[in-house]
Amino acid sequence: MKVFVVYPGARSGWELAREGDDASLHFTAKDSAIRYGRCIADANRPSALKIETSYGRVEAAWRFEDAGPARERHRY
């Protein structure tokens, strides 16, 4: 299963990367990174999208199964 992660950028904005990849996409707004991440995860089923805080804690997560709508795993 592919796992995509949205996390705060080192200096500003937000990053979106596939877990284990060195490359990431930069976004100025968190909601833009999440929306794009959900689209990428949905297109690459089965997959998951995690939103992390600057401390690495999972703030929210969605799981995209082979079929059906995304399921929100947890949100804080």
N, C-alpha and C. Protein backbone atom coordinates (compact mmCIF):
# COMPACT_ATOMS: atom_id res chain seq x y z
N MET A 1 0.84 -1.17 0.00
CA MET A 1 0.00 0.00 0.00
C MET A 1 0.89 1.24 0.00
N LYS A 2 0.59 2.17 -0.88
CA LYS A 2 1.33 3.43 -0.93
C LYS A 2 0.81 4.36 0.17
N VAL A 3 1.71 5.03 0.87
CA VAL A 3 1.33 5.97 1.92
C VAL A 3 1.87 7.34 1.54
N PHE A 4 0.99 8.31 1.48
CA PHE A 4 1.34 9.69 1.18
C PHE A 4 1.24 10.49 2.48
N VAL A 5 2.16 11.44 2.65
CA VAL A 5 2.22 12.20 3.90
C VAL A 5 2.28 13.70 3.60
N VAL A 6 1.43 14.46 4.29
CA VAL A 6 1.48 15.92 4.26
C VAL A 6 2.09 16.35 5.59
N TYR A 7 3.14 17.18 5.52
CA TYR A 7 3.82 17.61 6.74
C TYR A 7 4.34 19.04 6.56
N PRO A 8 4.56 19.74 7.67
CA PRO A 8 5.04 21.13 7.56
C PRO A 8 6.41 21.19 6.89
N GLY A 9 6.60 22.21 6.04
CA GLY A 9 7.88 22.42 5.39
C GLY A 9 8.92 22.89 6.39
N ALA A 10 10.18 22.73 6.04
CA ALA A 10 11.28 23.11 6.94
C ALA A 10 11.27 24.60 7.27
N ARG A 11 10.94 25.44 6.29
CA ARG A 11 10.96 26.88 6.53
C ARG A 11 9.57 27.50 6.47
N SER A 12 8.76 27.01 5.55
CA SER A 12 7.40 27.54 5.41
C SER A 12 6.56 26.57 4.58
N GLY A 13 5.28 26.77 4.62
CA GLY A 13 4.38 25.97 3.81
C GLY A 13 4.29 24.52 4.24
N TRP A 14 3.83 23.70 3.30
CA TRP A 14 3.58 22.28 3.55
C TRP A 14 4.15 21.44 2.44
N GLU A 15 4.57 20.23 2.77
CA GLU A 15 5.15 19.29 1.81
C GLU A 15 4.23 18.08 1.67
N LEU A 16 4.21 17.50 0.49
CA LEU A 16 3.48 16.26 0.22
C LEU A 16 4.47 15.30 -0.40
N ALA A 17 4.61 14.13 0.20
CA ALA A 17 5.56 13.14 -0.33
C ALA A 17 4.99 11.74 -0.14
N ARG A 18 5.45 10.83 -0.98
CA ARG A 18 5.14 9.42 -0.77
C ARG A 18 6.15 8.90 0.22
N GLU A 19 5.70 8.17 1.23
CA GLU A 19 6.59 7.65 2.27
C GLU A 19 7.72 6.87 1.64
N GLY A 20 8.94 7.19 2.01
CA GLY A 20 10.11 6.52 1.48
C GLY A 20 10.77 7.24 0.32
N ASP A 21 10.08 8.21 -0.29
CA ASP A 21 10.65 8.98 -1.40
C ASP A 21 11.40 10.19 -0.88
N ASP A 22 12.45 10.59 -1.60
CA ASP A 22 13.21 11.78 -1.24
C ASP A 22 12.55 13.06 -1.75
N ALA A 23 11.87 12.97 -2.88
CA ALA A 23 11.26 14.15 -3.50
C ALA A 23 9.90 14.44 -2.87
N SER A 24 9.56 15.74 -2.80
CA SER A 24 8.26 16.14 -2.29
C SER A 24 7.75 17.33 -3.09
N LEU A 25 6.46 17.58 -2.98
CA LEU A 25 5.84 18.74 -3.61
C LEU A 25 5.60 19.78 -2.53
N HIS A 26 5.83 21.05 -2.84
CA HIS A 26 5.66 22.12 -1.86
C HIS A 26 4.36 22.88 -2.12
N PHE A 27 3.64 23.18 -1.04
CA PHE A 27 2.41 23.96 -1.10
C PHE A 27 2.49 25.08 -0.08
N THR A 28 1.95 26.24 -0.41
CA THR A 28 1.95 27.34 0.55
C THR A 28 0.84 27.16 1.58
N ALA A 29 -0.26 26.52 1.20
CA ALA A 29 -1.40 26.35 2.11
C ALA A 29 -1.61 24.87 2.46
N LYS A 30 -1.89 24.62 3.71
CA LYS A 30 -2.12 23.25 4.20
C LYS A 30 -3.31 22.60 3.49
N ASP A 31 -4.41 23.34 3.35
CA ASP A 31 -5.59 22.75 2.73
C ASP A 31 -5.34 22.37 1.27
N SER A 32 -4.51 23.11 0.57
CA SER A 32 -4.16 22.76 -0.82
C SER A 32 -3.36 21.46 -0.85
N ALA A 33 -2.43 21.30 0.07
CA ALA A 33 -1.64 20.07 0.15
C ALA A 33 -2.52 18.87 0.46
N ILE A 34 -3.48 19.04 1.35
CA ILE A 34 -4.38 17.95 1.72
C ILE A 34 -5.28 17.59 0.54
N ARG A 35 -5.86 18.58 -0.12
CA ARG A 35 -6.74 18.30 -1.27
C ARG A 35 -5.99 17.56 -2.37
N TYR A 36 -4.78 18.03 -2.68
CA TYR A 36 -3.99 17.37 -3.73
C TYR A 36 -3.58 15.96 -3.27
N GLY A 37 -3.21 15.84 -2.00
CA GLY A 37 -2.83 14.53 -1.46
C GLY A 37 -3.97 13.53 -1.52
N ARG A 38 -5.19 13.98 -1.23
CA ARG A 38 -6.35 13.09 -1.33
C ARG A 38 -6.57 12.64 -2.76
N CYS A 39 -6.39 13.53 -3.72
CA CYS A 39 -6.54 13.17 -5.14
C CYS A 39 -5.49 12.15 -5.56
N ILE A 40 -4.25 12.38 -5.16
CA ILE A 40 -3.15 11.45 -5.50
C ILE A 40 -3.39 10.09 -4.85
N ALA A 41 -3.76 10.09 -3.58
CA ALA A 41 -4.01 8.82 -2.88
C ALA A 41 -5.18 8.08 -3.52
N ASP A 42 -6.23 8.81 -3.87
CA ASP A 42 -7.40 8.20 -4.50
C ASP A 42 -7.03 7.58 -5.85
N ALA A 43 -6.18 8.24 -6.60
CA ALA A 43 -5.76 7.74 -7.92
C ALA A 43 -4.80 6.56 -7.83
N ASN A 44 -4.20 6.35 -6.66
CA ASN A 44 -3.21 5.28 -6.49
C ASN A 44 -3.67 4.21 -5.50
N ARG A 45 -4.96 3.91 -5.51
CA ARG A 45 -5.52 2.90 -4.60
C ARG A 45 -4.85 1.55 -4.81
N PRO A 46 -4.71 0.73 -3.79
CA PRO A 46 -4.96 1.03 -2.38
C PRO A 46 -3.84 1.91 -1.82
N SER A 47 -4.23 2.88 -1.02
CA SER A 47 -3.26 3.82 -0.48
C SER A 47 -3.81 4.47 0.79
N ALA A 48 -2.98 5.33 1.37
CA ALA A 48 -3.39 6.08 2.56
C ALA A 48 -2.77 7.46 2.50
N LEU A 49 -3.41 8.41 3.18
CA LEU A 49 -2.89 9.77 3.29
C LEU A 49 -2.85 10.12 4.76
N LYS A 50 -1.69 10.57 5.23
CA LYS A 50 -1.53 11.00 6.62
C LYS A 50 -1.18 12.48 6.65
N ILE A 51 -1.72 13.18 7.62
CA ILE A 51 -1.36 14.57 7.86
C ILE A 51 -0.60 14.59 9.17
N GLU A 52 0.63 15.09 9.15
CA GLU A 52 1.47 15.10 10.35
C GLU A 52 1.71 16.51 10.85
N THR A 53 1.90 16.63 12.17
CA THR A 53 2.27 17.90 12.78
C THR A 53 3.77 18.08 12.63
N SER A 54 4.27 19.22 13.07
CA SER A 54 5.71 19.47 13.01
C SER A 54 6.49 18.54 13.93
N TYR A 55 5.79 17.88 14.86
CA TYR A 55 6.43 16.92 15.77
C TYR A 55 6.33 15.48 15.27
N GLY A 56 5.75 15.28 14.08
CA GLY A 56 5.61 13.95 13.52
C GLY A 56 4.39 13.19 13.99
N ARG A 57 3.54 13.84 14.76
CA ARG A 57 2.31 13.20 15.25
C ARG A 57 1.27 13.21 14.15
N VAL A 58 0.52 12.12 14.00
CA VAL A 58 -0.52 12.04 12.97
C VAL A 58 -1.74 12.83 13.45
N GLU A 59 -2.09 13.84 12.67
CA GLU A 59 -3.22 14.71 12.99
C GLU A 59 -4.51 14.17 12.39
N ALA A 60 -4.41 13.58 11.19
CA ALA A 60 -5.56 13.00 10.50
C ALA A 60 -5.04 11.99 9.50
N ALA A 61 -5.89 11.04 9.12
CA ALA A 61 -5.49 10.02 8.15
C ALA A 61 -6.71 9.48 7.43
N TRP A 62 -6.52 9.17 6.16
CA TRP A 62 -7.57 8.56 5.35
C TRP A 62 -6.99 7.33 4.67
N ARG A 63 -7.85 6.35 4.48
CA ARG A 63 -7.45 5.12 3.80
C ARG A 63 -8.30 4.97 2.55
N PHE A 64 -7.65 4.72 1.43
CA PHE A 64 -8.33 4.56 0.16
C PHE A 64 -8.23 3.09 -0.26
N GLU A 65 -9.33 2.38 -0.10
CA GLU A 65 -9.38 0.95 -0.42
C GLU A 65 -9.48 0.76 -1.93
N ASP A 66 -9.48 -0.51 -2.36
CA ASP A 66 -9.58 -0.82 -3.79
C ASP A 66 -10.86 -0.27 -4.40
N ALA A 67 -11.95 -0.22 -3.64
CA ALA A 67 -13.22 0.28 -4.14
C ALA A 67 -13.96 1.02 -3.03
N GLY A 68 -14.82 1.92 -3.42
CA GLY A 68 -15.62 2.66 -2.46
C GLY A 68 -14.99 3.97 -2.06
N PRO A 69 -15.70 4.75 -1.23
CA PRO A 69 -15.20 6.06 -0.81
C PRO A 69 -14.06 5.94 0.20
N ALA A 70 -13.32 7.02 0.35
CA ALA A 70 -12.23 7.06 1.34
C ALA A 70 -12.81 6.95 2.74
N ARG A 71 -12.08 6.26 3.61
CA ARG A 71 -12.50 6.16 5.01
C ARG A 71 -11.56 6.96 5.87
N GLU A 72 -12.12 7.84 6.67
CA GLU A 72 -11.30 8.63 7.59
C GLU A 72 -10.95 7.73 8.77
N ARG A 73 -9.67 7.55 9.03
CA ARG A 73 -9.24 6.67 10.11
C ARG A 73 -9.30 7.37 11.44
N HIS A 74 -8.79 8.55 11.52
CA HIS A 74 -8.92 9.34 12.75
C HIS A 74 -8.55 10.78 12.45
N ARG A 75 -9.09 11.64 13.26
CA ARG A 75 -8.83 13.07 13.09
C ARG A 75 -8.86 13.70 14.47
N TYR A 76 -7.89 14.55 14.72
CA TYR A 76 -7.78 15.19 16.04
C TYR A 76 -8.01 16.67 15.93
